[in-house]
Amino acid sequence: MANEDSGAYPFEASLERLEALVNRMESGNLTLEDSLSTFEEGIRLTRECQLALGRAEEKVRMLIERNGKLEDLAFDAPDDD
């Protein structure tokens, strides 16, 4: 997931921020420049959320049932670069 060093939000905070951005844009009180900036931030946050969800999905896939037991397999998160 996101870390504080990169300036990225944790997943839940990203969702809250996205909701705030949508509400801001729906208000109709933004200039074109502010709208574009807000949209750009929303796209960035959406991509971060998609990455976090993808990592979570991968980790869940690694938790598999074998012989009636859940087995936790090692998981190495892919680099964001």
PDB file of N, CA and C in Angstrom:
ATOM      1  N   MET A   1       0.832  -1.189   0.000  1.00  0.00           N
ATOM      2  CA  MET A   1       0.000   0.000   0.000  1.00  0.00           C
ATOM      3  C   MET A   1       0.867   1.238   0.000  1.00  0.00           C
ATOM      4  N   ALA A   2       0.226   2.343   0.142  1.00  0.00           N
ATOM      5  CA  ALA A   2       0.947   3.607   0.064  1.00  0.00           C
ATOM      6  C   ALA A   2       1.749   3.845   1.322  1.00  0.00           C
ATOM      7  N   ASN A   3       2.821   4.586   1.171  1.00  0.00           N
ATOM      8  CA  ASN A   3       3.584   4.940   2.349  1.00  0.00           C
ATOM      9  C   ASN A   3       3.679   6.439   2.466  1.00  0.00           C
ATOM     10  N   GLU A   4       3.993   6.890   3.678  1.00  0.00           N
ATOM     11  CA  GLU A   4       3.996   8.328   3.932  1.00  0.00           C
ATOM     12  C   GLU A   4       5.147   9.043   3.239  1.00  0.00           C
ATOM     13  N   ASP A   5       6.251   8.337   3.003  1.00  0.00           N
ATOM     14  CA  ASP A   5       7.407   8.969   2.376  1.00  0.00           C
ATOM     15  C   ASP A   5       7.115   9.425   0.956  1.00  0.00           C
ATOM     16  N   SER A   6       6.247   8.690   0.244  1.00  0.00           N
ATOM     17  CA  SER A   6       5.960   9.044  -1.144  1.00  0.00           C
ATOM     18  C   SER A   6       4.898  10.126  -1.259  1.00  0.00           C
ATOM     19  N   GLY A   7       4.302  10.504  -0.118  1.00  0.00           N
ATOM     20  CA  GLY A   7       3.248  11.496  -0.150  1.00  0.00           C
ATOM     21  C   GLY A   7       1.905  10.899  -0.508  1.00  0.00           C
ATOM     22  N   ALA A   8       1.837   9.584  -0.626  1.00  0.00           N
ATOM     23  CA  ALA A   8       0.602   8.912  -0.994  1.00  0.00           C
ATOM     24  C   ALA A   8      -0.260   8.682   0.246  1.00  0.00           C
ATOM     25  N   TYR A   9      -1.563   8.591   0.005  1.00  0.00           N
ATOM     26  CA  TYR A   9      -2.516   8.364   1.085  1.00  0.00           C
ATOM     27  C   TYR A   9      -2.682   6.868   1.338  1.00  0.00           C
ATOM     28  N   PRO A  10      -2.992   6.487   2.589  1.00  0.00           N
ATOM     29  CA  PRO A  10      -3.445   5.109   2.812  1.00  0.00           C
ATOM     30  C   PRO A  10      -4.755   4.890   2.052  1.00  0.00           C
ATOM     31  N   PHE A  11      -5.109   3.650   1.795  1.00  0.00           N
ATOM     32  CA  PHE A  11      -6.260   3.325   0.956  1.00  0.00           C
ATOM     33  C   PHE A  11      -7.546   4.025   1.402  1.00  0.00           C
ATOM     34  N   GLU A  12      -7.894   3.891   2.669  1.00  0.00           N
ATOM     35  CA  GLU A  12      -9.155   4.463   3.154  1.00  0.00           C
ATOM     36  C   GLU A  12      -9.160   5.989   3.034  1.00  0.00           C
ATOM     37  N   ALA A  13      -8.033   6.595   3.330  1.00  0.00           N
ATOM     38  CA  ALA A  13      -7.933   8.050   3.210  1.00  0.00           C
ATOM     39  C   ALA A  13      -8.045   8.471   1.741  1.00  0.00           C
ATOM     40  N   SER A  14      -7.501   7.652   0.850  1.00  0.00           N
ATOM     41  CA  SER A  14      -7.610   7.944  -0.587  1.00  0.00           C
ATOM     42  C   SER A  14      -9.060   7.926  -1.031  1.00  0.00           C
ATOM     43  N   LEU A  15      -9.813   6.949  -0.549  1.00  0.00           N
ATOM     44  CA  LEU A  15     -11.235   6.888  -0.908  1.00  0.00           C
ATOM     45  C   LEU A  15     -11.985   8.112  -0.390  1.00  0.00           C
ATOM     46  N   GLU A  16     -11.689   8.513   0.836  1.00  0.00           N
ATOM     47  CA  GLU A  16     -12.336   9.704   1.396  1.00  0.00           C
ATOM     48  C   GLU A  16     -11.966  10.945   0.599  1.00  0.00           C
ATOM     49  N   ARG A  17     -10.703  11.050   0.225  1.00  0.00           N
ATOM     50  CA  ARG A  17     -10.245  12.200  -0.559  1.00  0.00           C
ATOM     51  C   ARG A  17     -10.916  12.206  -1.933  1.00  0.00           C
ATOM     52  N   LEU A  18     -11.039  11.036  -2.547  1.00  0.00           N
ATOM     53  CA  LEU A  18     -11.724  10.953  -3.838  1.00  0.00           C
ATOM     54  C   LEU A  18     -13.168  11.431  -3.725  1.00  0.00           C
ATOM     55  N   GLU A  19     -13.844  11.022  -2.673  1.00  0.00           N
ATOM     56  CA  GLU A  19     -15.226  11.463  -2.473  1.00  0.00           C
ATOM     57  C   GLU A  19     -15.300  12.986  -2.334  1.00  0.00           C
ATOM     58  N   ALA A  20     -14.349  13.550  -1.581  1.00  0.00           N
ATOM     59  CA  ALA A  20     -14.313  15.004  -1.411  1.00  0.00           C
ATOM     60  C   ALA A  20     -14.058  15.701  -2.752  1.00  0.00           C
ATOM     61  N   LEU A  21     -13.183  15.135  -3.570  1.00  0.00           N
ATOM     62  CA  LEU A  21     -12.892  15.720  -4.883  1.00  0.00           C
ATOM     63  C   LEU A  21     -14.125  15.682  -5.787  1.00  0.00           C
ATOM     64  N   VAL A  22     -14.837  14.558  -5.758  1.00  0.00           N
ATOM     65  CA  VAL A  22     -16.056  14.444  -6.575  1.00  0.00           C
ATOM     66  C   VAL A  22     -17.071  15.493  -6.131  1.00  0.00           C
ATOM     67  N   ASN A  23     -17.276  15.608  -4.827  1.00  0.00           N
ATOM     68  CA  ASN A  23     -18.221  16.612  -4.315  1.00  0.00           C
ATOM     69  C   ASN A  23     -17.803  18.020  -4.730  1.00  0.00           C
ATOM     70  N   ARG A  24     -16.515  18.285  -4.674  1.00  0.00           N
ATOM     71  CA  ARG A  24     -15.996  19.605  -5.057  1.00  0.00           C
ATOM     72  C   ARG A  24     -16.275  19.886  -6.534  1.00  0.00           C
ATOM     73  N   MET A  25     -16.028  18.889  -7.376  1.00  0.00           N
ATOM     74  CA  MET A  25     -16.248  19.085  -8.809  1.00  0.00           C
ATOM     75  C   MET A  25     -17.742  19.201  -9.129  1.00  0.00           C
ATOM     76  N   GLU A  26     -18.562  18.433  -8.423  1.00  0.00           N
ATOM     77  CA  GLU A  26     -20.001  18.480  -8.674  1.00  0.00           C
ATOM     78  C   GLU A  26     -20.630  19.796  -8.228  1.00  0.00           C
ATOM     79  N   SER A  27     -19.933  20.525  -7.360  1.00  0.00           N
ATOM     80  CA  SER A  27     -20.479  21.803  -6.895  1.00  0.00           C
ATOM     81  C   SER A  27     -20.601  22.803  -8.035  1.00  0.00           C
ATOM     82  N   GLY A  28     -19.755  22.650  -9.047  1.00  0.00           N
ATOM     83  CA  GLY A  28     -19.798  23.546 -10.193  1.00  0.00           C
ATOM     84  C   GLY A  28     -19.180  24.909  -9.933  1.00  0.00           C
ATOM     85  N   ASN A  29     -18.491  25.055  -8.816  1.00  0.00           N
ATOM     86  CA  ASN A  29     -17.914  26.351  -8.446  1.00  0.00           C
ATOM     87  C   ASN A  29     -16.416  26.448  -8.716  1.00  0.00           C
ATOM     88  N   LEU A  30     -15.867  25.553  -9.510  1.00  0.00           N
ATOM     89  CA  LEU A  30     -14.440  25.564  -9.782  1.00  0.00           C
ATOM     90  C   LEU A  30     -14.142  26.240 -11.118  1.00  0.00           C
ATOM     91  N   THR A  31     -12.988  26.877 -11.171  1.00  0.00           N
ATOM     92  CA  THR A  31     -12.516  27.396 -12.449  1.00  0.00           C
ATOM     93  C   THR A  31     -12.071  26.209 -13.301  1.00  0.00           C
ATOM     94  N   LEU A  32     -11.841  26.450 -14.562  1.00  0.00           N
ATOM     95  CA  LEU A  32     -11.360  25.387 -15.444  1.00  0.00           C
ATOM     96  C   LEU A  32     -10.040  24.837 -14.919  1.00  0.00           C
ATOM     97  N   GLU A  33      -9.141  25.724 -14.529  1.00  0.00           N
ATOM     98  CA  GLU A  33      -7.831  25.304 -14.015  1.00  0.00           C
ATOM     99  C   GLU A  33      -7.991  24.454 -12.749  1.00  0.00           C
ATOM    100  N   ASP A  34      -8.856  24.881 -11.826  1.00  0.00           N
ATOM    101  CA  ASP A  34      -9.095  24.122 -10.600  1.00  0.00           C
ATOM    102  C   ASP A  34      -9.750  22.771 -10.908  1.00  0.00           C
ATOM    103  N   SER A  35     -10.647  22.758 -11.873  1.00  0.00           N
ATOM    104  CA  SER A  35     -11.302  21.511 -12.270  1.00  0.00           C
ATOM    105  C   SER A  35     -10.283  20.514 -12.811  1.00  0.00           C
ATOM    106  N   LEU A  36      -9.388  20.984 -13.658  1.00  0.00           N
ATOM    107  CA  LEU A  36      -8.357  20.109 -14.226  1.00  0.00           C
ATOM    108  C   LEU A  36      -7.418  19.594 -13.149  1.00  0.00           C
ATOM    109  N   SER A  37      -7.027  20.455 -12.241  1.00  0.00           N
ATOM    110  CA  SER A  37      -6.146  20.059 -11.140  1.00  0.00           C
ATOM    111  C   SER A  37      -6.823  19.033 -10.242  1.00  0.00           C
ATOM    112  N   THR A  38      -8.091  19.255  -9.945  1.00  0.00           N
ATOM    113  CA  THR A  38      -8.859  18.334  -9.111  1.00  0.00           C
ATOM    114  C   THR A  38      -9.027  16.991  -9.816  1.00  0.00           C
ATOM    115  N   PHE A  39      -9.326  17.035 -11.099  1.00  0.00           N
ATOM    116  CA  PHE A  39      -9.468  15.814 -11.887  1.00  0.00           C
ATOM    117  C   PHE A  39      -8.156  15.035 -11.912  1.00  0.00           C
ATOM    118  N   GLU A  40      -7.048  15.744 -12.100  1.00  0.00           N
ATOM    119  CA  GLU A  40      -5.737  15.101 -12.134  1.00  0.00           C
ATOM    120  C   GLU A  40      -5.442  14.394 -10.804  1.00  0.00           C
ATOM    121  N   GLU A  41      -5.730  15.053  -9.692  1.00  0.00           N
ATOM    122  CA  GLU A  41      -5.522  14.431  -8.389  1.00  0.00           C
ATOM    123  C   GLU A  41      -6.423  13.204  -8.235  1.00  0.00           C
ATOM    124  N   GLY A  42      -7.647  13.304  -8.707  1.00  0.00           N
ATOM    125  CA  GLY A  42      -8.569  12.177  -8.636  1.00  0.00           C
ATOM    126  C   GLY A  42      -8.075  10.972  -9.415  1.00  0.00           C
ATOM    127  N   ILE A  43      -7.527  11.222 -10.593  1.00  0.00           N
ATOM    128  CA  ILE A  43      -6.979  10.135 -11.412  1.00  0.00           C
ATOM    129  C   ILE A  43      -5.806   9.486 -10.689  1.00  0.00           C
ATOM    130  N   ARG A  44      -4.928  10.295 -10.105  1.00  0.00           N
ATOM    131  CA  ARG A  44      -3.774   9.760  -9.369  1.00  0.00           C
ATOM    132  C   ARG A  44      -4.229   8.894  -8.197  1.00  0.00           C
ATOM    133  N   LEU A  45      -5.203   9.391  -7.445  1.00  0.00           N
ATOM    134  CA  LEU A  45      -5.708   8.635  -6.300  1.00  0.00           C
ATOM    135  C   LEU A  45      -6.400   7.344  -6.748  1.00  0.00           C
ATOM    136  N   THR A  46      -7.124   7.416  -7.857  1.00  0.00           N
ATOM    137  CA  THR A  46      -7.786   6.224  -8.392  1.00  0.00           C
ATOM    138  C   THR A  46      -6.754   5.156  -8.741  1.00  0.00           C
ATOM    139  N   ARG A  47      -5.677   5.561  -9.359  1.00  0.00           N
ATOM    140  CA  ARG A  47      -4.619   4.603  -9.727  1.00  0.00           C
ATOM    141  C   ARG A  47      -3.970   4.004  -8.485  1.00  0.00           C
ATOM    142  N   GLU A  48      -3.725   4.828  -7.474  1.00  0.00           N
ATOM    143  CA  GLU A  48      -3.159   4.316  -6.223  1.00  0.00           C
ATOM    144  C   GLU A  48      -4.102   3.294  -5.585  1.00  0.00           C
ATOM    145  N   CYS A  49      -5.390   3.585  -5.592  1.00  0.00           N
ATOM    146  CA  CYS A  49      -6.380   2.661  -5.019  1.00  0.00           C
ATOM    147  C   CYS A  49      -6.417   1.354  -5.811  1.00  0.00           C
ATOM    148  N   GLN A  50      -6.355   1.457  -7.125  1.00  0.00           N
ATOM    149  CA  GLN A  50      -6.360   0.252  -7.956  1.00  0.00           C
ATOM    150  C   GLN A  50      -5.136  -0.612  -7.669  1.00  0.00           C
ATOM    151  N   LEU A  51      -3.974   0.017  -7.486  1.00  0.00           N
ATOM    152  CA  LEU A  51      -2.762  -0.729  -7.143  1.00  0.00           C
ATOM    153  C   LEU A  51      -2.913  -1.418  -5.794  1.00  0.00           C
ATOM    154  N   ALA A  52      -3.435  -0.701  -4.811  1.00  0.00           N
ATOM    155  CA  ALA A  52      -3.616  -1.268  -3.474  1.00  0.00           C
ATOM    156  C   ALA A  52      -4.584  -2.438  -3.521  1.00  0.00           C
ATOM    157  N   LEU A  53      -5.678  -2.293  -4.266  1.00  0.00           N
ATOM    158  CA  LEU A  53      -6.640  -3.384  -4.388  1.00  0.00           C
ATOM    159  C   LEU A  53      -6.030  -4.581  -5.106  1.00  0.00           C
ATOM    160  N   GLY A  54      -5.233  -4.322  -6.116  1.00  0.00           N
ATOM    161  CA  GLY A  54      -4.555  -5.404  -6.831  1.00  0.00           C
ATOM    162  C   GLY A  54      -3.617  -6.176  -5.923  1.00  0.00           C
ATOM    163  N   ARG A  55      -2.890  -5.453  -5.083  1.00  0.00           N
ATOM    164  CA  ARG A  55      -1.988  -6.111  -4.132  1.00  0.00           C
ATOM    165  C   ARG A  55      -2.773  -6.938  -3.120  1.00  0.00           C
ATOM    166  N   ALA A  56      -3.870  -6.389  -2.638  1.00  0.00           N
ATOM    167  CA  ALA A  56      -4.697  -7.118  -1.676  1.00  0.00           C
ATOM    168  C   ALA A  56      -5.275  -8.375  -2.321  1.00  0.00           C
ATOM    169  N   GLU A  57      -5.740  -8.251  -3.555  1.00  0.00           N
ATOM    170  CA  GLU A  57      -6.283  -9.402  -4.264  1.00  0.00           C
ATOM    171  C   GLU A  57      -5.221 -10.488  -4.430  1.00  0.00           C
ATOM    172  N   GLU A  58      -4.031 -10.084  -4.775  1.00  0.00           N
ATOM    173  CA  GLU A  58      -2.936 -11.042  -4.948  1.00  0.00           C
ATOM    174  C   GLU A  58      -2.627 -11.751  -3.632  1.00  0.00           C
ATOM    175  N   LYS A  59      -2.622 -11.015  -2.558  1.00  0.00           N
ATOM    176  CA  LYS A  59      -2.352 -11.614  -1.259  1.00  0.00           C
ATOM    177  C   LYS A  59      -3.445 -12.603  -0.882  1.00  0.00           C
ATOM    178  N   VAL A  60      -4.701 -12.259  -1.159  1.00  0.00           N
ATOM    179  CA  VAL A  60      -5.813 -13.163  -0.872  1.00  0.00           C
ATOM    180  C   VAL A  60      -5.669 -14.438  -1.698  1.00  0.00           C
ATOM    181  N   ARG A  61      -5.264 -14.296  -2.940  1.00  0.00           N
ATOM    182  CA  ARG A  61      -5.067 -15.476  -3.793  1.00  0.00           C
ATOM    183  C   ARG A  61      -4.002 -16.401  -3.224  1.00  0.00           C
ATOM    184  N   MET A  62      -3.021 -15.803  -2.542  1.00  0.00           N
ATOM    185  CA  MET A  62      -1.946 -16.618  -1.973  1.00  0.00           C
ATOM    186  C   MET A  62      -2.391 -17.371  -0.722  1.00  0.00           C
ATOM    187  N   LEU A  63      -3.469 -16.924  -0.133  1.00  0.00           N
ATOM    188  CA  LEU A  63      -4.037 -17.646   1.007  1.00  0.00           C
ATOM    189  C   LEU A  63      -4.960 -18.716   0.443  1.00  0.00           C
ATOM    190  N   ILE A  64      -4.433 -19.869   0.267  1.00  0.00           N
ATOM    191  CA  ILE A  64      -5.212 -20.922  -0.372  1.00  0.00           C
ATOM    192  C   ILE A  64      -5.467 -22.059   0.606  1.00  0.00           C
ATOM    193  N   GLU A  65      -6.529 -22.779   0.331  1.00  0.00           N
ATOM    194  CA  GLU A  65      -6.861 -23.920   1.173  1.00  0.00           C
ATOM    195  C   GLU A  65      -6.243 -25.169   0.564  1.00  0.00           C
ATOM    196  N   ARG A  66      -5.435 -25.834   1.376  1.00  0.00           N
ATOM    197  CA  ARG A  66      -4.819 -27.089   0.936  1.00  0.00           C
ATOM    198  C   ARG A  66      -5.011 -28.112   2.036  1.00  0.00           C
ATOM    199  N   ASN A  67      -5.582 -29.228   1.672  1.00  0.00           N
ATOM    200  CA  ASN A  67      -5.821 -30.312   2.616  1.00  0.00           C
ATOM    201  C   ASN A  67      -6.587 -29.825   3.839  1.00  0.00           C
ATOM    202  N   GLY A  68      -7.582 -28.963   3.630  1.00  0.00           N
ATOM    203  CA  GLY A  68      -8.418 -28.489   4.717  1.00  0.00           C
ATOM    204  C   GLY A  68      -7.790 -27.414   5.578  1.00  0.00           C
ATOM    205  N   LYS A  69      -6.604 -26.947   5.224  1.00  0.00           N
ATOM    206  CA  LYS A  69      -5.928 -25.907   6.006  1.00  0.00           C
ATOM    207  C   LYS A  69      -5.653 -24.700   5.117  1.00  0.00           C
ATOM    208  N   LEU A  70      -5.745 -23.539   5.718  1.00  0.00           N
ATOM    209  CA  LEU A  70      -5.331 -22.337   5.001  1.00  0.00           C
ATOM    210  C   LEU A  70      -3.824 -22.233   5.103  1.00  0.00           C
ATOM    211  N   GLU A  71      -3.209 -22.008   3.997  1.00  0.00           N
ATOM    212  CA  GLU A  71      -1.755 -21.903   3.954  1.00  0.00           C
ATOM    213  C   GLU A  71      -1.383 -20.497   3.533  1.00  0.00           C
ATOM    214  N   ASP A  72      -0.589 -19.831   4.343  1.00  0.00           N
ATOM    215  CA  ASP A  72      -0.135 -18.476   4.048  1.00  0.00           C
ATOM    216  C   ASP A  72       1.194 -18.569   3.321  1.00  0.00           C
ATOM    217  N   LEU A  73       1.202 -18.219   2.041  1.00  0.00           N
ATOM    218  CA  LEU A  73       2.410 -18.275   1.234  1.00  0.00           C
ATOM    219  C   LEU A  73       3.109 -16.926   1.252  1.00  0.00           C
ATOM    220  N   ALA A  74       4.398 -16.922   1.038  1.00  0.00           N
ATOM    221  CA  ALA A  74       5.175 -15.673   1.003  1.00  0.00           C
ATOM    222  C   ALA A  74       4.662 -14.782  -0.119  1.00  0.00           C
ATOM    223  N   PHE A  75       4.664 -13.503   0.136  1.00  0.00           N
ATOM    224  CA  PHE A  75       4.193 -12.526  -0.844  1.00  0.00           C
ATOM    225  C   PHE A  75       5.184 -11.391  -0.941  1.00  0.00           C
ATOM    226  N   ASP A  76       5.694 -11.155  -2.129  1.00  0.00           N
ATOM    227  CA  ASP A  76       6.576 -10.023  -2.379  1.00  0.00           C
ATOM    228  C   ASP A  76       5.806  -9.026  -3.238  1.00  0.00           C
ATOM    229  N   ALA A  77       5.504  -7.846  -2.658  1.00  0.00           N
ATOM    230  CA  ALA A  77       4.776  -6.820  -3.393  1.00  0.00           C
ATOM    231  C   ALA A  77       5.634  -6.310  -4.532  1.00  0.00           C
ATOM    232  N   PRO A  78       5.037  -6.095  -5.712  1.00  0.00           N
ATOM    233  CA  PRO A  78       5.794  -5.539  -6.838  1.00  0.00           C
ATOM    234  C   PRO A  78       6.162  -4.085  -6.578  1.00  0.00           C
ATOM    235  N   ASP A  79       7.265  -3.662  -7.165  1.00  0.00           N
ATOM    236  CA  ASP A  79       7.695  -2.277  -7.062  1.00  0.00           C
ATOM    237  C   ASP A  79       6.730  -1.389  -7.814  1.00  0.00           C
ATOM    238  N   ASP A  80       6.530  -0.156  -7.321  1.00  0.00           N
ATOM    239  CA  ASP A  80       5.640   0.798  -7.975  1.00  0.00           C
ATOM    240  C   ASP A  80       6.295   1.501  -9.148  1.00  0.00           C
ATOM    241  N   ASP A  81       7.586   1.361  -9.293  1.00  0.00           N
ATOM    242  CA  ASP A  81       8.322   2.082 -10.337  1.00  0.00           C
ATOM    243  C   ASP A  81       8.129   1.509 -11.687  1.00  0.00           C
TER     244      ASP A  81
END
